[in-house]
């Protein structure tokens, strides 16, 4: 009976985690929809860094992959964790990839006006590089799981390509304030939970403990 109670309690915690992360994903979807409307086919679209959007798409793709692996490691809680992976997959494959295409179409509008064959080459060029980096990144993450805390820290520099692009082009105002605020808060909240909460689901009881967790210093670095 004790084992059954423990299983029910642990499953409930995973469900709560799943609901919370899915709400964050829905917030990010809302932020991207608002940003796309803010800049679609307008002058602001040329100011958006493809590196910034592509970096965030890669983060969500890796997040989806890692949650799928978590679900497979504990099959009786697979559906709760797989739902997180599904939302992350929708975010990067439908919204972020679409936004990359919108930016590319605006920057290379003369190519897109040449016909379907030219469009196909441009889209193939974009997707080949994106999924090439995605596969290489997955291999590096797989072989560096004991350094997942460092990887999570590096993922927090996703605004850097936009900052560099703005400095290079001498522009500003490419991204709307609600988008910047919503994405910043949502992308910071999960790492703060993972490395700041001493009783997270990644404490060794349900899933393996994360490297260096819990850690106040890492949380302070994330906020900084």
N, C-alpha and C. Protein backbone atom coordinates (compact mmCIF):
# COMPACT_ATOMS: atom_id res chain seq x y z
N UNK A 1 0.82 -1.21 0.00
CA UNK A 1 0.00 0.00 0.00
C UNK A 1 0.85 1.26 0.00
N UNK A 2 1.96 1.21 0.79
CA UNK A 2 2.85 2.37 0.85
C UNK A 2 3.43 2.67 -0.53
N UNK A 3 3.81 1.59 -1.24
CA UNK A 3 4.38 1.78 -2.58
C UNK A 3 3.36 2.41 -3.50
N UNK A 4 2.09 1.99 -3.38
CA UNK A 4 1.04 2.56 -4.22
C UNK A 4 0.82 4.03 -3.92
N UNK A 5 0.84 4.37 -2.64
CA UNK A 5 0.66 5.76 -2.24
C UNK A 5 1.82 6.61 -2.75
N UNK A 6 3.05 6.09 -2.63
CA UNK A 6 4.22 6.82 -3.10
C UNK A 6 4.14 7.02 -4.62
N UNK A 7 3.75 6.00 -5.33
CA UNK A 7 3.64 6.11 -6.78
C UNK A 7 2.61 7.17 -7.18
N UNK A 8 1.49 7.17 -6.49
CA UNK A 8 0.45 8.17 -6.77
C UNK A 8 0.94 9.58 -6.46
N UNK A 9 1.67 9.72 -5.36
CA UNK A 9 2.19 11.04 -4.97
C UNK A 9 3.22 11.54 -5.98
N UNK A 10 4.14 10.65 -6.38
CA UNK A 10 5.16 11.04 -7.34
C UNK A 10 4.55 11.36 -8.69
N UNK A 11 3.57 10.58 -9.10
CA UNK A 11 2.89 10.86 -10.36
C UNK A 11 2.19 12.21 -10.33
N UNK A 12 1.61 12.54 -9.19
CA UNK A 12 0.94 13.83 -9.05
C UNK A 12 1.92 14.98 -9.18
N UNK A 13 3.11 14.82 -8.64
CA UNK A 13 4.12 15.87 -8.76
C UNK A 13 4.56 16.05 -10.21
N UNK A 14 4.68 14.95 -10.93
CA UNK A 14 5.05 15.04 -12.33
C UNK A 14 3.95 15.73 -13.14
N UNK A 15 2.70 15.42 -12.81
CA UNK A 15 1.57 16.06 -13.49
C UNK A 15 1.57 17.56 -13.22
N UNK A 16 1.83 17.96 -11.98
CA UNK A 16 1.89 19.38 -11.64
C UNK A 16 3.01 20.07 -12.42
N UNK A 17 4.17 19.41 -12.50
CA UNK A 17 5.28 19.96 -13.27
C UNK A 17 4.89 20.10 -14.74
N UNK A 18 4.22 19.07 -15.28
CA UNK A 18 3.80 19.10 -16.68
C UNK A 18 2.83 20.24 -16.95
N UNK A 19 1.86 20.44 -16.08
CA UNK A 19 0.88 21.52 -16.26
C UNK A 19 1.58 22.86 -16.23
N UNK A 20 2.50 23.04 -15.28
CA UNK A 20 3.21 24.32 -15.14
C UNK A 20 4.06 24.61 -16.38
N UNK A 21 4.83 23.63 -16.84
CA UNK A 21 5.70 23.86 -18.01
C UNK A 21 4.86 24.07 -19.27
N UNK A 22 3.74 23.37 -19.38
CA UNK A 22 2.88 23.58 -20.54
C UNK A 22 2.26 24.97 -20.55
N UNK A 23 1.93 25.49 -19.38
CA UNK A 23 1.43 26.87 -19.30
C UNK A 23 2.51 27.85 -19.75
N UNK A 24 3.75 27.57 -19.38
CA UNK A 24 4.87 28.42 -19.83
C UNK A 24 5.00 28.34 -21.35
N UNK A 25 4.87 27.15 -21.90
CA UNK A 25 4.94 26.99 -23.36
C UNK A 25 3.82 27.75 -24.05
N UNK A 26 2.63 27.72 -23.48
CA UNK A 26 1.51 28.47 -24.05
C UNK A 26 1.79 29.97 -24.00
N UNK A 27 2.42 30.44 -22.91
CA UNK A 27 2.80 31.85 -22.83
C UNK A 27 3.80 32.20 -23.93
N UNK A 28 4.76 31.31 -24.16
CA UNK A 28 5.75 31.57 -25.21
C UNK A 28 5.10 31.56 -26.59
N UNK A 29 4.16 30.66 -26.81
CA UNK A 29 3.42 30.65 -28.08
C UNK A 29 2.69 31.97 -28.27
N UNK A 30 2.06 32.45 -27.20
CA UNK A 30 1.34 33.74 -27.26
C UNK A 30 2.32 34.88 -27.55
N UNK A 31 3.49 34.84 -26.95
CA UNK A 31 4.49 35.89 -27.18
C UNK A 31 4.96 35.89 -28.64
N UNK A 32 5.19 34.71 -29.21
CA UNK A 32 5.64 34.64 -30.60
C UNK A 32 4.55 35.07 -31.57
N UNK A 33 3.30 34.70 -31.28
CA UNK A 33 2.21 35.16 -32.14
C UNK A 33 2.11 36.67 -32.13
N UNK A 34 2.26 37.28 -30.95
CA UNK A 34 2.24 38.73 -30.85
C UNK A 34 3.40 39.38 -31.57
N UNK A 35 4.60 38.77 -31.47
CA UNK A 35 5.77 39.32 -32.14
C UNK A 35 5.65 39.21 -33.65
N UNK A 36 5.10 38.10 -34.14
CA UNK A 36 4.92 37.93 -35.58
C UNK A 36 3.95 38.99 -36.12
N UNK A 37 2.89 39.24 -35.37
CA UNK A 37 1.95 40.30 -35.80
C UNK A 37 2.60 41.67 -35.73
N UNK A 38 3.49 41.85 -34.77
CA UNK A 38 4.17 43.14 -34.58
C UNK A 38 5.07 43.49 -35.76
N UNK A 39 5.68 42.48 -36.36
CA UNK A 39 6.70 42.77 -37.38
C UNK A 39 6.41 42.17 -38.75
N UNK A 40 5.34 41.41 -38.89
CA UNK A 40 5.08 40.72 -40.16
C UNK A 40 4.91 41.70 -41.31
N UNK A 41 5.80 41.53 -42.33
CA UNK A 41 5.75 42.34 -43.56
C UNK A 41 5.91 43.84 -43.30
N UNK A 42 6.46 44.20 -42.16
CA UNK A 42 6.73 45.61 -41.87
C UNK A 42 8.22 45.88 -41.86
N UNK A 43 8.61 47.14 -41.70
CA UNK A 43 10.05 47.46 -41.69
C UNK A 43 10.79 46.85 -40.52
N UNK A 44 10.07 46.53 -39.42
CA UNK A 44 10.75 45.99 -38.24
C UNK A 44 11.27 44.58 -38.48
N UNK A 45 10.74 43.86 -39.45
CA UNK A 45 11.15 42.48 -39.67
C UNK A 45 12.61 42.39 -40.09
N UNK A 46 13.11 43.40 -40.80
CA UNK A 46 14.51 43.40 -41.23
C UNK A 46 15.46 43.58 -40.06
N UNK A 47 14.95 44.11 -38.95
CA UNK A 47 15.79 44.34 -37.78
C UNK A 47 15.92 43.11 -36.89
N UNK A 48 15.10 42.08 -37.13
CA UNK A 48 15.11 40.90 -36.27
C UNK A 48 16.26 39.99 -36.66
N UNK A 49 17.00 39.53 -35.69
CA UNK A 49 18.13 38.64 -35.93
C UNK A 49 17.65 37.21 -36.13
N UNK A 50 18.03 36.59 -37.25
CA UNK A 50 17.70 35.19 -37.47
C UNK A 50 18.44 34.30 -36.48
N UNK A 51 19.62 34.75 -36.05
CA UNK A 51 20.37 33.99 -35.06
C UNK A 51 19.64 33.92 -33.73
N UNK A 52 19.01 35.02 -33.33
CA UNK A 52 18.27 35.06 -32.08
C UNK A 52 17.07 34.11 -32.12
N UNK A 53 16.29 34.17 -33.19
CA UNK A 53 15.11 33.30 -33.30
C UNK A 53 15.53 31.85 -33.50
N UNK A 54 16.57 31.63 -34.30
CA UNK A 54 17.05 30.27 -34.52
C UNK A 54 17.60 29.65 -33.25
N UNK A 55 18.28 30.44 -32.43
CA UNK A 55 18.82 29.97 -31.16
C UNK A 55 17.68 29.51 -30.25
N UNK A 56 16.63 30.30 -30.18
CA UNK A 56 15.49 29.93 -29.34
C UNK A 56 14.79 28.69 -29.88
N UNK A 57 14.72 28.56 -31.20
CA UNK A 57 14.13 27.35 -31.79
C UNK A 57 14.94 26.12 -31.43
N UNK A 58 16.26 26.24 -31.44
CA UNK A 58 17.12 25.13 -31.04
C UNK A 58 16.92 24.76 -29.57
N UNK A 59 16.81 25.78 -28.72
CA UNK A 59 16.58 25.52 -27.29
C UNK A 59 15.30 24.71 -27.09
N UNK A 60 14.24 25.12 -27.77
CA UNK A 60 12.96 24.41 -27.61
C UNK A 60 13.02 23.01 -28.22
N UNK A 61 13.77 22.84 -29.29
CA UNK A 61 13.92 21.51 -29.88
C UNK A 61 14.68 20.58 -28.93
N UNK A 62 15.75 21.09 -28.32
CA UNK A 62 16.49 20.29 -27.34
C UNK A 62 15.62 19.98 -26.13
N UNK A 63 14.84 20.96 -25.70
CA UNK A 63 13.94 20.76 -24.57
C UNK A 63 12.94 19.65 -24.87
N UNK A 64 12.39 19.66 -26.08
CA UNK A 64 11.45 18.62 -26.49
C UNK A 64 12.11 17.25 -26.47
N UNK A 65 13.32 17.16 -27.01
CA UNK A 65 14.04 15.89 -27.05
C UNK A 65 14.34 15.37 -25.65
N UNK A 66 14.79 16.23 -24.76
CA UNK A 66 15.13 15.80 -23.41
C UNK A 66 13.90 15.32 -22.64
N UNK A 67 12.76 15.97 -22.85
CA UNK A 67 11.54 15.54 -22.17
C UNK A 67 11.03 14.21 -22.73
N UNK A 68 11.20 13.99 -24.02
CA UNK A 68 10.85 12.69 -24.59
C UNK A 68 11.69 11.59 -23.95
N UNK A 69 12.99 11.85 -23.78
CA UNK A 69 13.87 10.87 -23.15
C UNK A 69 13.45 10.62 -21.70
N UNK A 70 13.05 11.68 -21.00
CA UNK A 70 12.56 11.51 -19.62
C UNK A 70 11.32 10.63 -19.59
N UNK A 71 10.40 10.87 -20.50
CA UNK A 71 9.18 10.08 -20.53
C UNK A 71 9.45 8.62 -20.80
N UNK A 72 10.40 8.34 -21.68
CA UNK A 72 10.74 6.95 -21.99
C UNK A 72 11.43 6.25 -20.83
N UNK A 73 12.10 7.04 -19.97
CA UNK A 73 12.79 6.44 -18.82
C UNK A 73 11.83 6.02 -17.72
N UNK A 74 10.62 6.55 -17.73
CA UNK A 74 9.63 6.19 -16.71
C UNK A 74 8.28 6.12 -17.40
N UNK A 75 7.94 4.96 -17.93
CA UNK A 75 6.83 4.85 -18.86
C UNK A 75 5.47 5.10 -18.22
N UNK A 76 5.32 4.84 -16.90
CA UNK A 76 4.01 5.07 -16.31
C UNK A 76 3.69 6.54 -16.14
N UNK A 77 4.71 7.41 -16.36
CA UNK A 77 4.48 8.86 -16.37
C UNK A 77 4.79 9.45 -17.74
N UNK A 78 4.78 8.59 -18.76
CA UNK A 78 5.20 9.01 -20.09
C UNK A 78 4.30 10.10 -20.66
N UNK A 79 2.99 9.95 -20.53
CA UNK A 79 2.06 10.86 -21.20
C UNK A 79 2.17 12.29 -20.65
N UNK A 80 2.38 12.41 -19.34
CA UNK A 80 2.50 13.76 -18.75
C UNK A 80 3.72 14.48 -19.29
N UNK A 81 4.84 13.75 -19.38
CA UNK A 81 6.08 14.36 -19.86
C UNK A 81 6.05 14.53 -21.37
N UNK A 82 5.45 13.58 -22.08
CA UNK A 82 5.38 13.68 -23.54
C UNK A 82 4.56 14.88 -23.98
N UNK A 83 3.59 15.29 -23.18
CA UNK A 83 2.79 16.46 -23.51
C UNK A 83 3.65 17.72 -23.52
N UNK A 84 4.62 17.79 -22.61
CA UNK A 84 5.57 18.91 -22.60
C UNK A 84 6.34 18.92 -23.91
N UNK A 85 6.84 17.75 -24.31
CA UNK A 85 7.61 17.64 -25.55
C UNK A 85 6.77 18.05 -26.75
N UNK A 86 5.48 17.70 -26.73
CA UNK A 86 4.59 18.06 -27.84
C UNK A 86 4.44 19.57 -27.97
N UNK A 87 4.21 20.26 -26.85
CA UNK A 87 4.06 21.72 -26.90
C UNK A 87 5.35 22.38 -27.36
N UNK A 88 6.49 21.88 -26.88
CA UNK A 88 7.78 22.44 -27.30
C UNK A 88 8.02 22.20 -28.78
N UNK A 89 7.61 21.03 -29.26
CA UNK A 89 7.75 20.72 -30.68
C UNK A 89 6.89 21.65 -31.53
N UNK A 90 5.66 21.90 -31.09
CA UNK A 90 4.78 22.83 -31.80
C UNK A 90 5.39 24.22 -31.82
N UNK A 91 5.99 24.62 -30.71
CA UNK A 91 6.57 25.96 -30.62
C UNK A 91 7.70 26.15 -31.61
N UNK A 92 8.64 25.21 -31.64
CA UNK A 92 9.80 25.43 -32.51
C UNK A 92 9.52 25.08 -33.98
N UNK A 93 8.66 24.08 -34.24
CA UNK A 93 8.47 23.66 -35.62
C UNK A 93 7.44 24.49 -36.38
N UNK A 94 6.46 25.04 -35.68
CA UNK A 94 5.41 25.80 -36.36
C UNK A 94 5.58 27.31 -36.22
N UNK A 95 5.95 27.78 -35.05
CA UNK A 95 6.04 29.23 -34.85
C UNK A 95 7.43 29.77 -35.12
N UNK A 96 8.43 29.22 -34.42
CA UNK A 96 9.79 29.76 -34.57
C UNK A 96 10.34 29.48 -35.96
N UNK A 97 10.09 28.28 -36.50
CA UNK A 97 10.54 28.00 -37.87
C UNK A 97 9.80 28.89 -38.87
N UNK A 98 8.52 29.13 -38.63
CA UNK A 98 7.76 30.01 -39.51
C UNK A 98 8.31 31.43 -39.46
N UNK A 99 8.66 31.89 -38.27
CA UNK A 99 9.19 33.24 -38.13
C UNK A 99 10.52 33.37 -38.87
N UNK A 100 11.34 32.33 -38.81
CA UNK A 100 12.60 32.34 -39.56
C UNK A 100 12.33 32.48 -41.06
N UNK A 101 11.31 31.79 -41.55
CA UNK A 101 10.97 31.89 -42.97
C UNK A 101 10.47 33.28 -43.33
N UNK A 102 9.71 33.91 -42.43
CA UNK A 102 9.22 35.26 -42.67
C UNK A 102 10.39 36.23 -42.79
N UNK A 103 11.35 36.09 -41.87
CA UNK A 103 12.53 36.97 -41.91
C UNK A 103 13.33 36.74 -43.19
N UNK A 104 13.53 35.46 -43.53
CA UNK A 104 14.28 35.13 -44.75
C UNK A 104 13.57 35.68 -45.99
N UNK A 105 12.25 35.54 -46.04
CA UNK A 105 11.49 36.04 -47.19
C UNK A 105 11.64 37.54 -47.34
N UNK A 106 11.67 38.27 -46.24
CA UNK A 106 11.80 39.72 -46.31
C UNK A 106 13.21 40.12 -46.74
N UNK A 107 14.22 39.41 -46.23
CA UNK A 107 15.60 39.77 -46.57
C UNK A 107 15.97 39.35 -48.00
N UNK A 108 15.37 38.27 -48.47
CA UNK A 108 15.70 37.74 -49.79
C UNK A 108 14.48 37.80 -50.71
N UNK A 109 13.77 38.91 -50.65
CA UNK A 109 12.51 39.03 -51.39
C UNK A 109 12.73 38.92 -52.90
N UNK A 110 13.91 39.35 -53.39
CA UNK A 110 14.16 39.26 -54.83
C UNK A 110 14.27 37.79 -55.26
N UNK A 111 14.82 36.94 -54.38
CA UNK A 111 14.92 35.52 -54.70
C UNK A 111 13.54 34.87 -54.67
N UNK A 112 12.74 35.23 -53.68
CA UNK A 112 11.40 34.66 -53.55
C UNK A 112 10.50 35.09 -54.71
N UNK A 113 10.87 36.16 -55.40
CA UNK A 113 10.08 36.60 -56.55
C UNK A 113 10.46 35.88 -57.84
N UNK A 114 11.52 35.07 -57.79
CA UNK A 114 12.00 34.39 -58.99
C UNK A 114 11.23 33.12 -59.33
N UNK A 115 10.42 32.64 -58.40
CA UNK A 115 9.67 31.42 -58.69
C UNK A 115 9.91 30.32 -57.68
N UNK A 116 9.17 29.23 -57.85
CA UNK A 116 9.18 28.15 -56.87
C UNK A 116 10.54 27.50 -56.71
N UNK A 117 11.28 27.32 -57.81
CA UNK A 117 12.57 26.65 -57.73
C UNK A 117 13.56 27.44 -56.86
N UNK A 118 13.56 28.75 -57.01
CA UNK A 118 14.44 29.59 -56.19
C UNK A 118 14.01 29.57 -54.73
N UNK A 119 12.70 29.59 -54.51
CA UNK A 119 12.19 29.51 -53.14
C UNK A 119 12.59 28.19 -52.49
N UNK A 120 12.47 27.10 -53.24
CA UNK A 120 12.82 25.78 -52.72
C UNK A 120 14.28 25.72 -52.31
N UNK A 121 15.17 26.33 -53.11
CA UNK A 121 16.60 26.34 -52.78
C UNK A 121 16.86 27.13 -51.50
N UNK A 122 16.19 28.28 -51.36
CA UNK A 122 16.39 29.10 -50.17
C UNK A 122 15.90 28.39 -48.91
N UNK A 123 14.72 27.79 -49.00
CA UNK A 123 14.16 27.09 -47.85
C UNK A 123 15.01 25.87 -47.50
N UNK A 124 15.49 25.16 -48.52
CA UNK A 124 16.37 24.01 -48.27
C UNK A 124 17.66 24.45 -47.61
N UNK A 125 18.19 25.59 -48.08
CA UNK A 125 19.42 26.14 -47.48
C UNK A 125 19.21 26.43 -46.00
N UNK A 126 18.08 27.03 -45.66
CA UNK A 126 17.79 27.39 -44.27
C UNK A 126 17.61 26.14 -43.42
N UNK A 127 16.79 25.21 -43.88
CA UNK A 127 16.47 24.02 -43.08
C UNK A 127 17.67 23.08 -42.96
N UNK A 128 18.49 22.99 -44.00
CA UNK A 128 19.67 22.14 -43.92
C UNK A 128 20.61 22.59 -42.83
N UNK A 129 20.84 23.88 -42.76
CA UNK A 129 21.74 24.41 -41.73
C UNK A 129 21.11 24.32 -40.34
N UNK A 130 19.81 24.61 -40.25
CA UNK A 130 19.16 24.56 -38.95
C UNK A 130 19.18 23.15 -38.37
N UNK A 131 18.74 22.17 -39.16
CA UNK A 131 18.68 20.79 -38.66
C UNK A 131 20.07 20.17 -38.54
N UNK A 132 21.03 20.66 -39.32
CA UNK A 132 22.40 20.21 -39.14
C UNK A 132 22.94 20.63 -37.78
N UNK A 133 22.74 21.90 -37.42
CA UNK A 133 23.15 22.39 -36.11
C UNK A 133 22.39 21.66 -35.00
N UNK A 134 21.08 21.39 -35.26
CA UNK A 134 20.26 20.68 -34.27
C UNK A 134 20.82 19.30 -33.97
N UNK A 135 21.17 18.55 -35.00
CA UNK A 135 21.70 17.19 -34.80
C UNK A 135 23.05 17.24 -34.10
N UNK A 136 23.92 18.14 -34.52
CA UNK A 136 25.24 18.25 -33.87
C UNK A 136 25.07 18.62 -32.41
N UNK A 137 24.15 19.56 -32.13
CA UNK A 137 23.89 19.96 -30.75
C UNK A 137 23.36 18.82 -29.91
N UNK A 138 22.46 18.01 -30.47
CA UNK A 138 21.93 16.85 -29.74
C UNK A 138 23.04 15.87 -29.38
N UNK A 139 23.97 15.66 -30.29
CA UNK A 139 25.08 14.76 -30.02
C UNK A 139 25.97 15.31 -28.91
N UNK A 140 26.22 16.62 -28.94
CA UNK A 140 27.04 17.24 -27.90
C UNK A 140 26.36 17.17 -26.54
N UNK A 141 25.05 17.43 -26.52
CA UNK A 141 24.31 17.37 -25.25
C UNK A 141 24.30 15.96 -24.71
N UNK A 142 24.09 14.98 -25.59
CA UNK A 142 24.05 13.58 -25.16
C UNK A 142 25.35 13.16 -24.49
N UNK A 143 26.46 13.64 -25.02
CA UNK A 143 27.76 13.28 -24.47
C UNK A 143 28.22 14.23 -23.36
N UNK A 144 27.37 15.19 -23.00
CA UNK A 144 27.74 16.16 -21.96
C UNK A 144 26.64 16.32 -20.92
N UNK A 145 25.89 15.25 -20.66
CA UNK A 145 24.78 15.32 -19.70
C UNK A 145 25.27 15.64 -18.29
N UNK A 146 26.51 15.28 -17.98
CA UNK A 146 27.05 15.62 -16.66
C UNK A 146 27.44 17.09 -16.54
N UNK A 147 27.32 17.81 -17.65
CA UNK A 147 27.58 19.27 -17.65
C UNK A 147 26.32 20.03 -18.07
N UNK A 148 25.18 19.46 -17.77
CA UNK A 148 23.91 20.06 -18.18
C UNK A 148 23.70 21.44 -17.56
N UNK A 149 24.26 21.67 -16.38
CA UNK A 149 24.13 22.98 -15.75
C UNK A 149 24.84 24.06 -16.56
N UNK A 150 26.02 23.72 -17.09
CA UNK A 150 26.76 24.68 -17.92
C UNK A 150 26.02 24.94 -19.22
N UNK A 151 25.46 23.88 -19.80
CA UNK A 151 24.69 24.03 -21.04
C UNK A 151 23.49 24.94 -20.81
N UNK A 152 22.81 24.74 -19.67
CA UNK A 152 21.64 25.58 -19.36
C UNK A 152 22.05 27.04 -19.21
N UNK A 153 23.22 27.29 -18.63
CA UNK A 153 23.71 28.67 -18.51
C UNK A 153 23.97 29.27 -19.89
N UNK A 154 24.59 28.49 -20.77
CA UNK A 154 24.90 29.00 -22.11
C UNK A 154 23.63 29.29 -22.90
N UNK A 155 22.58 28.52 -22.64
CA UNK A 155 21.32 28.74 -23.35
C UNK A 155 20.67 30.08 -22.99
N UNK A 156 21.09 30.68 -21.91
CA UNK A 156 20.49 31.95 -21.50
C UNK A 156 21.03 33.16 -22.24
N UNK A 157 21.93 32.94 -23.18
CA UNK A 157 22.48 34.08 -23.95
C UNK A 157 21.75 34.22 -25.29
N UNK A 158 20.49 33.75 -25.37
CA UNK A 158 19.76 33.76 -26.63
C UNK A 158 19.48 35.17 -27.15
N UNK A 159 19.53 36.20 -26.28
CA UNK A 159 19.34 37.57 -26.75
C UNK A 159 20.61 38.14 -27.37
N UNK A 160 21.75 37.50 -27.15
CA UNK A 160 23.03 38.04 -27.63
C UNK A 160 23.06 38.24 -29.15
N UNK A 161 22.60 37.29 -29.97
CA UNK A 161 22.60 37.55 -31.43
C UNK A 161 21.81 38.78 -31.83
N UNK A 162 20.69 39.05 -31.14
CA UNK A 162 19.90 40.24 -31.46
C UNK A 162 20.65 41.50 -31.06
N UNK A 163 21.32 41.47 -29.93
CA UNK A 163 22.11 42.63 -29.48
C UNK A 163 23.23 42.93 -30.47
N UNK A 164 23.93 41.88 -30.89
CA UNK A 164 25.03 42.05 -31.85
C UNK A 164 24.49 42.55 -33.20
N UNK A 165 23.36 42.00 -33.64
CA UNK A 165 22.76 42.42 -34.92
C UNK A 165 22.33 43.89 -34.86
N UNK A 166 21.73 44.30 -33.75
CA UNK A 166 21.33 45.70 -33.59
C UNK A 166 22.53 46.62 -33.62
N UNK A 167 23.63 46.21 -32.95
CA UNK A 167 24.84 47.03 -32.93
C UNK A 167 25.47 47.11 -34.33
N UNK A 168 25.45 46.00 -35.05
CA UNK A 168 26.03 45.96 -36.39
C UNK A 168 25.22 46.79 -37.39
N UNK A 169 23.88 46.68 -37.31
CA UNK A 169 23.02 47.38 -38.25
C UNK A 169 22.68 48.80 -37.80
N UNK A 170 22.97 49.12 -36.54
CA UNK A 170 22.62 50.43 -36.02
C UNK A 170 21.12 50.63 -35.88
N UNK A 171 20.42 49.57 -35.49
CA UNK A 171 18.96 49.63 -35.37
C UNK A 171 18.54 49.27 -33.94
N UNK A 172 17.27 49.50 -33.66
CA UNK A 172 16.69 49.10 -32.38
C UNK A 172 15.17 48.99 -32.56
N UNK A 173 14.53 48.42 -31.57
CA UNK A 173 13.08 48.31 -31.61
C UNK A 173 12.56 47.19 -32.48
N UNK A 174 13.42 46.18 -32.80
CA UNK A 174 12.96 45.08 -33.64
C UNK A 174 11.96 44.19 -32.91
N UNK A 175 12.19 43.99 -31.62
CA UNK A 175 11.34 43.11 -30.83
C UNK A 175 10.45 43.93 -29.91
N UNK A 176 9.20 43.54 -29.81
CA UNK A 176 8.26 44.27 -28.96
C UNK A 176 8.59 44.04 -27.49
N UNK A 177 8.24 45.00 -26.65
CA UNK A 177 8.51 44.90 -25.21
C UNK A 177 7.79 43.71 -24.58
N UNK A 178 6.49 43.46 -24.90
CA UNK A 178 5.84 42.27 -24.33
C UNK A 178 6.53 40.97 -24.71
N UNK A 179 7.06 40.90 -25.94
CA UNK A 179 7.77 39.71 -26.36
C UNK A 179 9.04 39.52 -25.55
N UNK A 180 9.83 40.57 -25.40
CA UNK A 180 11.08 40.48 -24.65
C UNK A 180 10.81 40.10 -23.20
N UNK A 181 9.83 40.75 -22.59
CA UNK A 181 9.52 40.47 -21.18
C UNK A 181 8.98 39.05 -21.00
N UNK A 182 8.01 38.67 -21.84
CA UNK A 182 7.39 37.35 -21.71
C UNK A 182 8.37 36.22 -21.94
N UNK A 183 9.19 36.33 -22.97
CA UNK A 183 10.16 35.28 -23.27
C UNK A 183 11.24 35.23 -22.19
N UNK A 184 11.71 36.38 -21.73
CA UNK A 184 12.76 36.41 -20.70
C UNK A 184 12.29 35.73 -19.42
N UNK A 185 11.09 36.09 -18.97
CA UNK A 185 10.57 35.51 -17.73
C UNK A 185 10.30 34.02 -17.88
N UNK A 186 9.70 33.62 -18.99
CA UNK A 186 9.35 32.22 -19.17
C UNK A 186 10.58 31.33 -19.33
N UNK A 187 11.60 31.82 -20.03
CA UNK A 187 12.79 31.00 -20.23
C UNK A 187 13.67 30.98 -18.99
N UNK A 188 13.46 31.90 -18.08
CA UNK A 188 14.24 31.91 -16.84
C UNK A 188 13.59 31.07 -15.75
N UNK A 189 12.27 30.95 -15.78
CA UNK A 189 11.55 30.31 -14.67
C UNK A 189 11.87 28.83 -14.53
N UNK A 190 11.97 28.10 -15.64
CA UNK A 190 12.23 26.66 -15.55
C UNK A 190 13.63 26.36 -15.01
N UNK A 191 14.71 26.99 -15.54
CA UNK A 191 16.03 26.74 -14.93
C UNK A 191 16.09 27.14 -13.46
N UNK A 192 15.39 28.20 -13.07
CA UNK A 192 15.37 28.57 -11.65
C UNK A 192 14.72 27.49 -10.80
N UNK A 193 13.67 26.87 -11.33
CA UNK A 193 13.05 25.76 -10.61
C UNK A 193 13.99 24.56 -10.55
N UNK A 194 14.62 24.24 -11.66
CA UNK A 194 15.46 23.05 -11.73
C UNK A 194 16.67 23.14 -10.82
N UNK A 195 17.28 24.34 -10.75
CA UNK A 195 18.49 24.47 -9.94
C UNK A 195 18.26 25.26 -8.65
N UNK A 196 17.06 25.73 -8.44
CA UNK A 196 16.78 26.49 -7.23
C UNK A 196 15.90 25.78 -6.23
N UNK A 197 15.06 24.86 -6.71
CA UNK A 197 14.14 24.15 -5.81
C UNK A 197 14.81 22.88 -5.28
N UNK A 198 15.01 22.77 -3.98
CA UNK A 198 15.66 21.56 -3.43
C UNK A 198 14.79 20.32 -3.50
N UNK A 199 13.49 20.49 -3.74
CA UNK A 199 12.57 19.36 -3.78
C UNK A 199 11.89 19.25 -5.14
N UNK A 200 12.64 19.51 -6.20
CA UNK A 200 12.08 19.40 -7.55
C UNK A 200 11.92 17.93 -7.91
N UNK A 201 11.29 17.66 -9.03
CA UNK A 201 11.13 16.26 -9.45
C UNK A 201 12.45 15.66 -9.91
N UNK A 202 13.47 16.51 -10.09
CA UNK A 202 14.80 16.03 -10.47
C UNK A 202 15.71 15.99 -9.23
N UNK A 203 15.24 15.33 -8.20
CA UNK A 203 16.00 15.24 -6.94
C UNK A 203 16.56 13.85 -6.70
N UNK A 204 16.49 12.98 -7.70
CA UNK A 204 16.98 11.61 -7.56
C UNK A 204 15.92 10.63 -7.14
N UNK A 205 14.77 11.13 -6.71
CA UNK A 205 13.69 10.24 -6.27
C UNK A 205 12.79 9.83 -7.43
N UNK A 206 12.50 10.79 -8.30
CA UNK A 206 11.67 10.51 -9.48
C UNK A 206 12.56 10.40 -10.71
N UNK A 207 13.30 11.46 -10.98
CA UNK A 207 14.25 11.48 -12.08
C UNK A 207 15.63 11.78 -11.53
N UNK A 208 16.69 11.48 -12.30
CA UNK A 208 18.06 11.71 -11.80
C UNK A 208 18.29 13.16 -11.40
N UNK A 209 19.09 13.33 -10.36
CA UNK A 209 19.43 14.68 -9.90
C UNK A 209 20.26 15.39 -10.96
N UNK A 210 19.96 16.66 -11.19
CA UNK A 210 20.69 17.44 -12.17
C UNK A 210 22.07 17.82 -11.63
N UNK A 211 23.06 17.94 -12.52
CA UNK A 211 24.41 18.31 -12.06
C UNK A 211 24.41 19.65 -11.34
N UNK A 212 24.95 19.66 -10.12
CA UNK A 212 25.08 20.90 -9.37
C UNK A 212 23.82 21.39 -8.69
N UNK A 213 22.70 20.66 -8.80
CA UNK A 213 21.43 21.12 -8.21
C UNK A 213 21.28 20.56 -6.79
N UNK A 214 20.65 21.35 -5.90
CA UNK A 214 20.29 22.77 -6.06
C UNK A 214 21.51 23.66 -5.83
N UNK A 215 21.47 24.85 -6.42
CA UNK A 215 22.62 25.75 -6.32
C UNK A 215 22.16 27.21 -6.36
N UNK A 216 22.40 27.91 -5.27
CA UNK A 216 22.06 29.33 -5.20
C UNK A 216 22.93 30.14 -6.17
N UNK A 217 24.21 29.77 -6.26
CA UNK A 217 25.12 30.52 -7.14
C UNK A 217 24.69 30.43 -8.60
N UNK A 218 24.24 29.25 -9.02
CA UNK A 218 23.79 29.10 -10.40
C UNK A 218 22.52 29.91 -10.65
N UNK A 219 21.64 29.95 -9.68
CA UNK A 219 20.41 30.74 -9.82
C UNK A 219 20.74 32.23 -9.94
N UNK A 220 21.70 32.68 -9.15
CA UNK A 220 22.11 34.09 -9.23
C UNK A 220 22.74 34.39 -10.59
N UNK A 221 23.52 33.45 -11.12
CA UNK A 221 24.10 33.64 -12.45
C UNK A 221 23.03 33.70 -13.52
N UNK A 222 22.00 32.87 -13.37
CA UNK A 222 20.90 32.88 -14.34
C UNK A 222 20.18 34.22 -14.34
N UNK A 223 19.91 34.74 -13.15
CA UNK A 223 19.22 36.04 -13.03
C UNK A 223 20.10 37.16 -13.56
N UNK A 224 21.40 37.07 -13.29
CA UNK A 224 22.31 38.12 -13.75
C UNK A 224 22.46 38.11 -15.26
